[in-house]
Amino acid sequence: MHQLKSFQFIKNKISAISKNIQIVVVTKGQSMETIQPILETGHLHYGENRIQEATVKWQENIFANKNLNLHLLGHLQTNKVKEAVNLFNYIHTLDSEKLAKLLSC
């Protein structure tokens, strides 16, 4: 419940500044039980930095809610590009030409 109150507080502060800002709730290391109250508010953008953790945590939710947007934050290994592209809507880190070529295919 504390996370939901913190989220609402931050969302209200940001909304007072601008309506054009999208909040990405970073859920690394958090259980779905902890995240669920924020999901229930209708928030749609969540960030993760581990593909395996994100797959276990979000796959069922993505199937249930096609409007959900997952953001991959942090380093992406080239051997995990296919998994990442299949799971995440946004990849925020591009740190090599090789990775750029793999992502462009």
PDB file of N, CA and C in Angstrom:
ATOM      1  N   MET A   1       0.824  -1.193   0.000  1.00  0.00           N
ATOM      2  CA  MET A   1       0.000   0.000   0.000  1.00  0.00           C
ATOM      3  C   MET A   1       0.866   1.254   0.000  1.00  0.00           C
ATOM      4  N   HIS A   2       2.026   1.168   0.642  1.00  0.00           N
ATOM      5  CA  HIS A   2       2.940   2.308   0.665  1.00  0.00           C
ATOM      6  C   HIS A   2       3.376   2.701  -0.749  1.00  0.00           C
ATOM      7  N   GLN A   3       3.637   1.688  -1.597  1.00  0.00           N
ATOM      8  CA  GLN A   3       4.064   1.967  -2.966  1.00  0.00           C
ATOM      9  C   GLN A   3       2.968   2.711  -3.737  1.00  0.00           C
ATOM     10  N   LEU A   4       1.716   2.333  -3.521  1.00  0.00           N
ATOM     11  CA  LEU A   4       0.613   2.993  -4.210  1.00  0.00           C
ATOM     12  C   LEU A   4       0.499   4.453  -3.779  1.00  0.00           C
ATOM     13  N   LYS A   5       0.632   4.713  -2.496  1.00  0.00           N
ATOM     14  CA  LYS A   5       0.577   6.097  -2.007  1.00  0.00           C
ATOM     15  C   LYS A   5       1.735   6.913  -2.573  1.00  0.00           C
ATOM     16  N   SER A   6       2.917   6.323  -2.619  1.00  0.00           N
ATOM     17  CA  SER A   6       4.083   7.015  -3.183  1.00  0.00           C
ATOM     18  C   SER A   6       3.875   7.294  -4.666  1.00  0.00           C
ATOM     19  N   PHE A   7       3.349   6.305  -5.382  1.00  0.00           N
ATOM     20  CA  PHE A   7       3.076   6.472  -6.810  1.00  0.00           C
ATOM     21  C   PHE A   7       2.078   7.602  -7.029  1.00  0.00           C
ATOM     22  N   GLN A   8       0.987   7.593  -6.295  1.00  0.00           N
ATOM     23  CA  GLN A   8      -0.044   8.629  -6.453  1.00  0.00           C
ATOM     24  C   GLN A   8       0.523  10.014  -6.131  1.00  0.00           C
ATOM     25  N   PHE A   9       1.340  10.107  -5.093  1.00  0.00           N
ATOM     26  CA  PHE A   9       1.958  11.377  -4.719  1.00  0.00           C
ATOM     27  C   PHE A   9       2.832  11.904  -5.856  1.00  0.00           C
ATOM     28  N   ILE A  10       3.695  11.045  -6.374  1.00  0.00           N
ATOM     29  CA  ILE A  10       4.598  11.436  -7.468  1.00  0.00           C
ATOM     30  C   ILE A  10       3.797  11.796  -8.716  1.00  0.00           C
ATOM     31  N   LYS A  11       2.805  10.987  -9.052  1.00  0.00           N
ATOM     32  CA  LYS A  11       1.978  11.243 -10.227  1.00  0.00           C
ATOM     33  C   LYS A  11       1.286  12.603 -10.115  1.00  0.00           C
ATOM     34  N   ASN A  12       0.748  12.914  -8.953  1.00  0.00           N
ATOM     35  CA  ASN A  12       0.084  14.204  -8.750  1.00  0.00           C
ATOM     36  C   ASN A  12       1.061  15.367  -8.873  1.00  0.00           C
ATOM     37  N   LYS A  13       2.265  15.231  -8.323  1.00  0.00           N
ATOM     38  CA  LYS A  13       3.279  16.284  -8.420  1.00  0.00           C
ATOM     39  C   LYS A  13       3.681  16.522  -9.872  1.00  0.00           C
ATOM     40  N   ILE A  14       3.909  15.448 -10.605  1.00  0.00           N
ATOM     41  CA  ILE A  14       4.319  15.570 -12.007  1.00  0.00           C
ATOM     42  C   ILE A  14       3.181  16.139 -12.850  1.00  0.00           C
ATOM     43  N   SER A  15       1.967  15.694 -12.612  1.00  0.00           N
ATOM     44  CA  SER A  15       0.811  16.200 -13.369  1.00  0.00           C
ATOM     45  C   SER A  15       0.617  17.694 -13.169  1.00  0.00           C
ATOM     46  N   ALA A  16       0.976  18.189 -11.999  1.00  0.00           N
ATOM     47  CA  ALA A  16       0.863  19.623 -11.734  1.00  0.00           C
ATOM     48  C   ALA A  16       1.859  20.413 -12.575  1.00  0.00           C
ATOM     49  N   ILE A  17       2.970  19.781 -12.944  1.00  0.00           N
ATOM     50  CA  ILE A  17       3.997  20.430 -13.754  1.00  0.00           C
ATOM     51  C   ILE A  17       3.648  20.351 -15.233  1.00  0.00           C
ATOM     52  N   SER A  18       3.282  19.126 -15.673  1.00  0.00           N
ATOM     53  CA  SER A  18       2.978  18.918 -17.093  1.00  0.00           C
ATOM     54  C   SER A  18       2.142  17.664 -17.269  1.00  0.00           C
ATOM     55  N   LYS A  19       1.196  17.727 -18.165  1.00  0.00           N
ATOM     56  CA  LYS A  19       0.369  16.556 -18.503  1.00  0.00           C
ATOM     57  C   LYS A  19       1.046  15.700 -19.576  1.00  0.00           C
ATOM     58  N   ASN A  20       2.153  16.173 -20.145  1.00  0.00           N
ATOM     59  CA  ASN A  20       2.828  15.490 -21.251  1.00  0.00           C
ATOM     60  C   ASN A  20       3.970  14.587 -20.807  1.00  0.00           C
ATOM     61  N   ILE A  21       4.077  14.322 -19.537  1.00  0.00           N
ATOM     62  CA  ILE A  21       5.153  13.477 -19.019  1.00  0.00           C
ATOM     63  C   ILE A  21       4.600  12.082 -18.756  1.00  0.00           C
ATOM     64  N   GLN A  22       5.318  11.062 -19.230  1.00  0.00           N
ATOM     65  CA  GLN A  22       4.921   9.681 -19.003  1.00  0.00           C
ATOM     66  C   GLN A  22       5.788   9.085 -17.909  1.00  0.00           C
ATOM     67  N   ILE A  23       5.178   8.592 -16.872  1.00  0.00           N
ATOM     68  CA  ILE A  23       5.896   7.953 -15.768  1.00  0.00           C
ATOM     69  C   ILE A  23       6.127   6.481 -16.123  1.00  0.00           C
ATOM     70  N   VAL A  24       7.363   6.038 -15.968  1.00  0.00           N
ATOM     71  CA  VAL A  24       7.689   4.625 -16.113  1.00  0.00           C
ATOM     72  C   VAL A  24       7.997   4.111 -14.710  1.00  0.00           C
ATOM     73  N   VAL A  25       7.145   3.226 -14.209  1.00  0.00           N
ATOM     74  CA  VAL A  25       7.325   2.661 -12.880  1.00  0.00           C
ATOM     75  C   VAL A  25       8.332   1.524 -13.000  1.00  0.00           C
ATOM     76  N   VAL A  26       9.480   1.671 -12.353  1.00  0.00           N
ATOM     77  CA  VAL A  26      10.520   0.646 -12.406  1.00  0.00           C
ATOM     78  C   VAL A  26      10.207  -0.404 -11.347  1.00  0.00           C
ATOM     79  N   THR A  27      10.023  -1.642 -11.821  1.00  0.00           N
ATOM     80  CA  THR A  27       9.539  -2.707 -10.954  1.00  0.00           C
ATOM     81  C   THR A  27      10.571  -3.800 -10.696  1.00  0.00           C
ATOM     82  N   LYS A  28      11.811  -3.521 -11.001  1.00  0.00           N
ATOM     83  CA  LYS A  28      12.894  -4.491 -10.789  1.00  0.00           C
ATOM     84  C   LYS A  28      12.877  -4.977  -9.334  1.00  0.00           C
ATOM     85  N   GLY A  29      12.835  -6.279  -9.183  1.00  0.00           N
ATOM     86  CA  GLY A  29      12.911  -6.864  -7.849  1.00  0.00           C
ATOM     87  C   GLY A  29      11.620  -6.801  -7.047  1.00  0.00           C
ATOM     88  N   GLN A  30      10.553  -6.292  -7.657  1.00  0.00           N
ATOM     89  CA  GLN A  30       9.273  -6.197  -6.953  1.00  0.00           C
ATOM     90  C   GLN A  30       8.359  -7.341  -7.373  1.00  0.00           C
ATOM     91  N   SER A  31       7.561  -7.808  -6.446  1.00  0.00           N
ATOM     92  CA  SER A  31       6.612  -8.875  -6.749  1.00  0.00           C
ATOM     93  C   SER A  31       5.369  -8.294  -7.406  1.00  0.00           C
ATOM     94  N   MET A  32       4.620  -9.145  -8.093  1.00  0.00           N
ATOM     95  CA  MET A  32       3.363  -8.699  -8.690  1.00  0.00           C
ATOM     96  C   MET A  32       2.385  -8.269  -7.603  1.00  0.00           C
ATOM     97  N   GLU A  33       2.467  -8.871  -6.440  1.00  0.00           N
ATOM     98  CA  GLU A  33       1.619  -8.468  -5.315  1.00  0.00           C
ATOM     99  C   GLU A  33       1.855  -7.003  -4.955  1.00  0.00           C
ATOM    100  N   THR A  34       3.098  -6.580  -5.025  1.00  0.00           N
ATOM    101  CA  THR A  34       3.451  -5.191  -4.735  1.00  0.00           C
ATOM    102  C   THR A  34       3.025  -4.260  -5.872  1.00  0.00           C
ATOM    103  N   ILE A  35       3.141  -4.731  -7.103  1.00  0.00           N
ATOM    104  CA  ILE A  35       2.854  -3.917  -8.283  1.00  0.00           C
ATOM    105  C   ILE A  35       1.352  -3.828  -8.572  1.00  0.00           C
ATOM    106  N   GLN A  36       0.604  -4.847  -8.206  1.00  0.00           N
ATOM    107  CA  GLN A  36      -0.816  -4.954  -8.551  1.00  0.00           C
ATOM    108  C   GLN A  36      -1.642  -3.708  -8.225  1.00  0.00           C
ATOM    109  N   PRO A  37      -1.485  -3.084  -7.062  1.00  0.00           N
ATOM    110  CA  PRO A  37      -2.286  -1.878  -6.791  1.00  0.00           C
ATOM    111  C   PRO A  37      -2.036  -0.748  -7.799  1.00  0.00           C
ATOM    112  N   ILE A  38      -0.814  -0.633  -8.284  1.00  0.00           N
ATOM    113  CA  ILE A  38      -0.515   0.398  -9.287  1.00  0.00           C
ATOM    114  C   ILE A  38      -1.128  -0.001 -10.631  1.00  0.00           C
ATOM    115  N   LEU A  39      -1.040  -1.270 -10.975  1.00  0.00           N
ATOM    116  CA  LEU A  39      -1.692  -1.762 -12.200  1.00  0.00           C
ATOM    117  C   LEU A  39      -3.187  -1.460 -12.164  1.00  0.00           C
ATOM    118  N   GLU A  40      -3.787  -1.622 -11.015  1.00  0.00           N
ATOM    119  CA  GLU A  40      -5.231  -1.413 -10.882  1.00  0.00           C
ATOM    120  C   GLU A  40      -5.643   0.050 -11.052  1.00  0.00           C
ATOM    121  N   THR A  41      -4.698   0.975 -10.966  1.00  0.00           N
ATOM    122  CA  THR A  41      -5.023   2.388 -11.224  1.00  0.00           C
ATOM    123  C   THR A  41      -5.134   2.664 -12.716  1.00  0.00           C
ATOM    124  N   GLY A  42      -4.707   1.689 -13.533  1.00  0.00           N
ATOM    125  CA  GLY A  42      -4.735   1.869 -14.982  1.00  0.00           C
ATOM    126  C   GLY A  42      -3.409   2.329 -15.553  1.00  0.00           C
ATOM    127  N   HIS A  43      -2.387   2.414 -14.704  1.00  0.00           N
ATOM    128  CA  HIS A  43      -1.067   2.826 -15.199  1.00  0.00           C
ATOM    129  C   HIS A  43      -0.541   1.756 -16.153  1.00  0.00           C
ATOM    130  N   LEU A  44       0.101   2.193 -17.259  1.00  0.00           N
ATOM    131  CA  LEU A  44       0.458   1.260 -18.324  1.00  0.00           C
ATOM    132  C   LEU A  44       1.944   1.128 -18.638  1.00  0.00           C
ATOM    133  N   HIS A  45       2.823   1.906 -18.013  1.00  0.00           N
ATOM    134  CA  HIS A  45       4.256   1.880 -18.360  1.00  0.00           C
ATOM    135  C   HIS A  45       5.093   1.398 -17.185  1.00  0.00           C
ATOM    136  N   TYR A  46       5.843   0.293 -17.427  1.00  0.00           N
ATOM    137  CA  TYR A  46       6.653  -0.323 -16.380  1.00  0.00           C
ATOM    138  C   TYR A  46       8.034  -0.647 -16.935  1.00  0.00           C
ATOM    139  N   GLY A  47       9.039  -0.492 -16.104  1.00  0.00           N
ATOM    140  CA  GLY A  47      10.414  -0.726 -16.526  1.00  0.00           C
ATOM    141  C   GLY A  47      11.052  -1.879 -15.787  1.00  0.00           C
ATOM    142  N   GLU A  48      11.822  -2.638 -16.512  1.00  0.00           N
ATOM    143  CA  GLU A  48      12.594  -3.764 -15.969  1.00  0.00           C
ATOM    144  C   GLU A  48      13.976  -3.746 -16.595  1.00  0.00           C
ATOM    145  N   ASN A  49      14.947  -4.385 -15.932  1.00  0.00           N
ATOM    146  CA  ASN A  49      16.269  -4.476 -16.536  1.00  0.00           C
ATOM    147  C   ASN A  49      16.762  -5.909 -16.685  1.00  0.00           C
ATOM    148  N   ARG A  50      15.938  -6.871 -16.287  1.00  0.00           N
ATOM    149  CA  ARG A  50      16.317  -8.274 -16.455  1.00  0.00           C
ATOM    150  C   ARG A  50      15.230  -8.992 -17.254  1.00  0.00           C
ATOM    151  N   ILE A  51      15.621  -9.554 -18.364  1.00  0.00           N
ATOM    152  CA  ILE A  51      14.659 -10.184 -19.267  1.00  0.00           C
ATOM    153  C   ILE A  51      13.975 -11.373 -18.606  1.00  0.00           C
ATOM    154  N   GLN A  52      14.741 -12.222 -17.932  1.00  0.00           N
ATOM    155  CA  GLN A  52      14.156 -13.398 -17.291  1.00  0.00           C
ATOM    156  C   GLN A  52      13.135 -13.004 -16.239  1.00  0.00           C
ATOM    157  N   GLU A  53      13.486 -12.060 -15.392  1.00  0.00           N
ATOM    158  CA  GLU A  53      12.576 -11.604 -14.347  1.00  0.00           C
ATOM    159  C   GLU A  53      11.324 -10.987 -14.971  1.00  0.00           C
ATOM    160  N   ALA A  54      11.504 -10.188 -15.995  1.00  0.00           N
ATOM    161  CA  ALA A  54      10.377  -9.538 -16.654  1.00  0.00           C
ATOM    162  C   ALA A  54       9.453 -10.564 -17.316  1.00  0.00           C
ATOM    163  N   THR A  55      10.019 -11.580 -17.915  1.00  0.00           N
ATOM    164  CA  THR A  55       9.211 -12.609 -18.572  1.00  0.00           C
ATOM    165  C   THR A  55       8.314 -13.304 -17.557  1.00  0.00           C
ATOM    166  N   VAL A  56       8.890 -13.733 -16.463  1.00  0.00           N
ATOM    167  CA  VAL A  56       8.123 -14.424 -15.427  1.00  0.00           C
ATOM    168  C   VAL A  56       7.054 -13.498 -14.844  1.00  0.00           C
ATOM    169  N   LYS A  57       7.430 -12.279 -14.595  1.00  0.00           N
ATOM    170  CA  LYS A  57       6.548 -11.326 -13.927  1.00  0.00           C
ATOM    171  C   LYS A  57       5.444 -10.793 -14.828  1.00  0.00           C
ATOM    172  N   TRP A  58       5.751 -10.505 -16.081  1.00  0.00           N
ATOM    173  CA  TRP A  58       4.826  -9.738 -16.918  1.00  0.00           C
ATOM    174  C   TRP A  58       4.114 -10.504 -18.020  1.00  0.00           C
ATOM    175  N   GLN A  59       4.574 -11.668 -18.397  1.00  0.00           N
ATOM    176  CA  GLN A  59       4.016 -12.345 -19.570  1.00  0.00           C
ATOM    177  C   GLN A  59       2.493 -12.514 -19.474  1.00  0.00           C
ATOM    178  N   GLU A  60       2.002 -12.958 -18.355  1.00  0.00           N
ATOM    179  CA  GLU A  60       0.561 -13.149 -18.184  1.00  0.00           C
ATOM    180  C   GLU A  60      -0.184 -11.812 -18.241  1.00  0.00           C
ATOM    181  N   ASN A  61       0.378 -10.782 -17.658  1.00  0.00           N
ATOM    182  CA  ASN A  61      -0.253  -9.465 -17.658  1.00  0.00           C
ATOM    183  C   ASN A  61      -0.297  -8.849 -19.048  1.00  0.00           C
ATOM    184  N   ILE A  62       0.743  -9.065 -19.824  1.00  0.00           N
ATOM    185  CA  ILE A  62       0.773  -8.536 -21.190  1.00  0.00           C
ATOM    186  C   ILE A  62      -0.301  -9.215 -22.034  1.00  0.00           C
ATOM    187  N   PHE A  63      -0.469 -10.496 -21.836  1.00  0.00           N
ATOM    188  CA  PHE A  63      -1.503 -11.231 -22.566  1.00  0.00           C
ATOM    189  C   PHE A  63      -2.893 -10.704 -22.198  1.00  0.00           C
ATOM    190  N   ALA A  64      -3.093 -10.368 -20.926  1.00  0.00           N
ATOM    191  CA  ALA A  64      -4.391  -9.890 -20.447  1.00  0.00           C
ATOM    192  C   ALA A  64      -4.646  -8.421 -20.798  1.00  0.00           C
ATOM    193  N   ASN A  65      -3.586  -7.645 -20.967  1.00  0.00           N
ATOM    194  CA  ASN A  65      -3.750  -6.209 -21.231  1.00  0.00           C
ATOM    195  C   ASN A  65      -2.803  -5.781 -22.344  1.00  0.00           C
ATOM    196  N   LYS A  66      -3.324  -5.705 -23.548  1.00  0.00           N
ATOM    197  CA  LYS A  66      -2.510  -5.363 -24.726  1.00  0.00           C
ATOM    198  C   LYS A  66      -2.012  -3.922 -24.700  1.00  0.00           C
ATOM    199  N   ASN A  67      -2.562  -3.071 -23.829  1.00  0.00           N
ATOM    200  CA  ASN A  67      -2.133  -1.673 -23.736  1.00  0.00           C
ATOM    201  C   ASN A  67      -0.949  -1.482 -22.797  1.00  0.00           C
ATOM    202  N   LEU A  68      -0.558  -2.532 -22.099  1.00  0.00           N
ATOM    203  CA  LEU A  68       0.567  -2.476 -21.180  1.00  0.00           C
ATOM    204  C   LEU A  68       1.858  -2.275 -21.963  1.00  0.00           C
ATOM    205  N   ASN A  69       2.729  -1.391 -21.487  1.00  0.00           N
ATOM    206  CA  ASN A  69       4.003  -1.100 -22.156  1.00  0.00           C
ATOM    207  C   ASN A  69       5.162  -1.409 -21.225  1.00  0.00           C
ATOM    208  N   LEU A  70       6.036  -2.308 -21.672  1.00  0.00           N
ATOM    209  CA  LEU A  70       7.228  -2.641 -20.901  1.00  0.00           C
ATOM    210  C   LEU A  70       8.441  -1.953 -21.506  1.00  0.00           C
ATOM    211  N   HIS A  71       9.260  -1.409 -20.635  1.00  0.00           N
ATOM    212  CA  HIS A  71      10.474  -0.690 -21.022  1.00  0.00           C
ATOM    213  C   HIS A  71      11.676  -1.485 -20.509  1.00  0.00           C
ATOM    214  N   LEU A  72      12.593  -1.800 -21.394  1.00  0.00           N
ATOM    215  CA  LEU A  72      13.841  -2.439 -20.974  1.00  0.00           C
ATOM    216  C   LEU A  72      14.832  -1.332 -20.651  1.00  0.00           C
ATOM    217  N   LEU A  73      15.278  -1.327 -19.415  1.00  0.00           N
ATOM    218  CA  LEU A  73      16.232  -0.329 -18.943  1.00  0.00           C
ATOM    219  C   LEU A  73      17.563  -1.020 -18.683  1.00  0.00           C
ATOM    220  N   GLY A  74      18.632  -0.401 -19.031  1.00  0.00           N
ATOM    221  CA  GLY A  74      19.939  -0.986 -18.766  1.00  0.00           C
ATOM    222  C   GLY A  74      20.469  -1.788 -19.940  1.00  0.00           C
ATOM    223  N   HIS A  75      21.593  -2.414 -19.718  1.00  0.00           N
ATOM    224  CA  HIS A  75      22.332  -3.124 -20.762  1.00  0.00           C
ATOM    225  C   HIS A  75      21.547  -4.295 -21.321  1.00  0.00           C
ATOM    226  N   LEU A  76      21.593  -4.449 -22.637  1.00  0.00           N
ATOM    227  CA  LEU A  76      20.990  -5.593 -23.321  1.00  0.00           C
ATOM    228  C   LEU A  76      22.109  -6.391 -23.971  1.00  0.00           C
ATOM    229  N   GLN A  77      22.198  -7.669 -23.607  1.00  0.00           N
ATOM    230  CA  GLN A  77      23.194  -8.548 -24.210  1.00  0.00           C
ATOM    231  C   GLN A  77      22.706  -8.956 -25.599  1.00  0.00           C
ATOM    232  N   THR A  78      23.629  -9.035 -26.533  1.00  0.00           N
ATOM    233  CA  THR A  78      23.252  -9.347 -27.917  1.00  0.00           C
ATOM    234  C   THR A  78      22.578 -10.716 -28.030  1.00  0.00           C
ATOM    235  N   ASN A  79      22.926 -11.663 -27.178  1.00  0.00           N
ATOM    236  CA  ASN A  79      22.306 -12.988 -27.247  1.00  0.00           C
ATOM    237  C   ASN A  79      20.876 -13.005 -26.707  1.00  0.00           C
ATOM    238  N   LYS A  80      20.397 -11.883 -26.165  1.00  0.00           N
ATOM    239  CA  LYS A  80      19.035 -11.811 -25.625  1.00  0.00           C
ATOM    240  C   LYS A  80      18.136 -10.851 -26.406  1.00  0.00           C
ATOM    241  N   VAL A  81      18.604 -10.426 -27.570  1.00  0.00           N
ATOM    242  CA  VAL A  81      17.849  -9.458 -28.367  1.00  0.00           C
ATOM    243  C   VAL A  81      16.479 -10.008 -28.755  1.00  0.00           C
ATOM    244  N   LYS A  82      16.418 -11.234 -29.251  1.00  0.00           N
ATOM    245  CA  LYS A  82      15.151 -11.801 -29.705  1.00  0.00           C
ATOM    246  C   LYS A  82      14.135 -11.844 -28.567  1.00  0.00           C
ATOM    247  N   GLU A  83      14.567 -12.289 -27.399  1.00  0.00           N
ATOM    248  CA  GLU A  83      13.678 -12.327 -26.233  1.00  0.00           C
ATOM    249  C   GLU A  83      13.192 -10.919 -25.877  1.00  0.00           C
ATOM    250  N   ALA A  84      14.114  -9.980 -25.900  1.00  0.00           N
ATOM    251  CA  ALA A  84      13.773  -8.603 -25.532  1.00  0.00           C
ATOM    252  C   ALA A  84      12.765  -8.002 -26.501  1.00  0.00           C
ATOM    253  N   VAL A  85      12.970  -8.200 -27.781  1.00  0.00           N
ATOM    254  CA  VAL A  85      12.071  -7.639 -28.795  1.00  0.00           C
ATOM    255  C   VAL A  85      10.678  -8.249 -28.672  1.00  0.00           C
ATOM    256  N   ASN A  86      10.608  -9.508 -28.296  1.00  0.00           N
ATOM    257  CA  ASN A  86       9.311 -10.176 -28.144  1.00  0.00           C
ATOM    258  C   ASN A  86       8.562  -9.750 -26.887  1.00  0.00           C
ATOM    259  N   LEU A  87       9.252  -9.221 -25.898  1.00  0.00           N
ATOM    260  CA  LEU A  87       8.627  -8.888 -24.626  1.00  0.00           C
ATOM    261  C   LEU A  87       8.428  -7.389 -24.418  1.00  0.00           C
ATOM    262  N   PHE A  88       9.445  -6.595 -24.766  1.00  0.00           N
ATOM    263  CA  PHE A  88       9.433  -5.170 -24.435  1.00  0.00           C
ATOM    264  C   PHE A  88       8.913  -4.314 -25.584  1.00  0.00           C
ATOM    265  N   ASN A  89       8.199  -3.263 -25.221  1.00  0.00           N
ATOM    266  CA  ASN A  89       7.725  -2.288 -26.205  1.00  0.00           C
ATOM    267  C   ASN A  89       8.797  -1.254 -26.510  1.00  0.00           C
ATOM    268  N   TYR A  90       9.644  -0.988 -25.521  1.00  0.00           N
ATOM    269  CA  TYR A  90      10.691   0.027 -25.645  1.00  0.00           C
ATOM    270  C   TYR A  90      12.003  -0.545 -25.120  1.00  0.00           C
ATOM    271  N   ILE A  91      13.078  -0.277 -25.840  1.00  0.00           N
ATOM    272  CA  ILE A  91      14.421  -0.641 -25.384  1.00  0.00           C
ATOM    273  C   ILE A  91      15.189   0.667 -25.282  1.00  0.00           C
ATOM    274  N   HIS A  92      15.604   1.012 -24.083  1.00  0.00           N
ATOM    275  CA  HIS A  92      16.170   2.331 -23.822  1.00  0.00           C
ATOM    276  C   HIS A  92      17.694   2.392 -23.926  1.00  0.00           C
ATOM    277  N   THR A  93      18.334   1.262 -24.124  1.00  0.00           N
ATOM    278  CA  THR A  93      19.783   1.272 -24.173  1.00  0.00           C
ATOM    279  C   THR A  93      20.288   0.640 -25.461  1.00  0.00           C
ATOM    280  N   LEU A  94      21.077   1.387 -26.150  1.00  0.00           N
ATOM    281  CA  LEU A  94      21.724   0.898 -27.364  1.00  0.00           C
ATOM    282  C   LEU A  94      23.185   1.305 -27.241  1.00  0.00           C
ATOM    283  N   ASP A  95      24.052   0.328 -26.998  1.00  0.00           N
ATOM    284  CA  ASP A  95      25.429   0.685 -26.689  1.00  0.00           C
ATOM    285  C   ASP A  95      26.487   0.078 -27.610  1.00  0.00           C
ATOM    286  N   SER A  96      26.049  -0.476 -28.734  1.00  0.00           N
ATOM    287  CA  SER A  96      27.033  -0.988 -29.690  1.00  0.00           C
ATOM    288  C   SER A  96      26.423  -1.051 -31.083  1.00  0.00           C
ATOM    289  N   GLU A  97      27.289  -1.002 -32.075  1.00  0.00           N
ATOM    290  CA  GLU A  97      26.839  -1.115 -33.459  1.00  0.00           C
ATOM    291  C   GLU A  97      26.249  -2.505 -33.718  1.00  0.00           C
ATOM    292  N   LYS A  98      26.857  -3.521 -33.135  1.00  0.00           N
ATOM    293  CA  LYS A  98      26.368  -4.887 -33.294  1.00  0.00           C
ATOM    294  C   LYS A  98      24.927  -5.003 -32.777  1.00  0.00           C
ATOM    295  N   LEU A  99      24.663  -4.419 -31.616  1.00  0.00           N
ATOM    296  CA  LEU A  99      23.318  -4.445 -31.039  1.00  0.00           C
ATOM    297  C   LEU A  99      22.340  -3.668 -31.940  1.00  0.00           C
ATOM    298  N   ALA A 100      22.776  -2.548 -32.465  1.00  0.00           N
ATOM    299  CA  ALA A 100      21.930  -1.765 -33.369  1.00  0.00           C
ATOM    300  C   ALA A 100      21.537  -2.580 -34.595  1.00  0.00           C
ATOM    301  N   LYS A 101      22.479  -3.289 -35.152  1.00  0.00           N
ATOM    302  CA  LYS A 101      22.203  -4.127 -36.333  1.00  0.00           C
ATOM    303  C   LYS A 101      21.222  -5.244 -35.995  1.00  0.00           C
ATOM    304  N   LEU A 102      21.386  -5.859 -34.839  1.00  0.00           N
ATOM    305  CA  LEU A 102      20.468  -6.939 -34.429  1.00  0.00           C
ATOM    306  C   LEU A 102      19.062  -6.388 -34.196  1.00  0.00           C
ATOM    307  N   LEU A 103      18.956  -5.242 -33.620  1.00  0.00           N
ATOM    308  CA  LEU A 103      17.651  -4.651 -33.342  1.00  0.00           C
ATOM    309  C   LEU A 103      16.954  -4.141 -34.607  1.00  0.00           C
ATOM    310  N   SER A 104      17.720  -3.812 -35.611  1.00  0.00           N
ATOM    311  CA  SER A 104      17.123  -3.271 -36.835  1.00  0.00           C
ATOM    312  C   SER A 104      16.551  -4.351 -37.748  1.00  0.00           C
ATOM    313  N   CYS A 105      16.853  -5.606 -37.477  1.00  0.00           N
ATOM    314  CA  CYS A 105      16.349  -6.704 -38.329  1.00  0.00           C
ATOM    315  C   CYS A 105      14.933  -7.070 -38.005  1.00  0.00           C
TER     316      CYS A 105
END
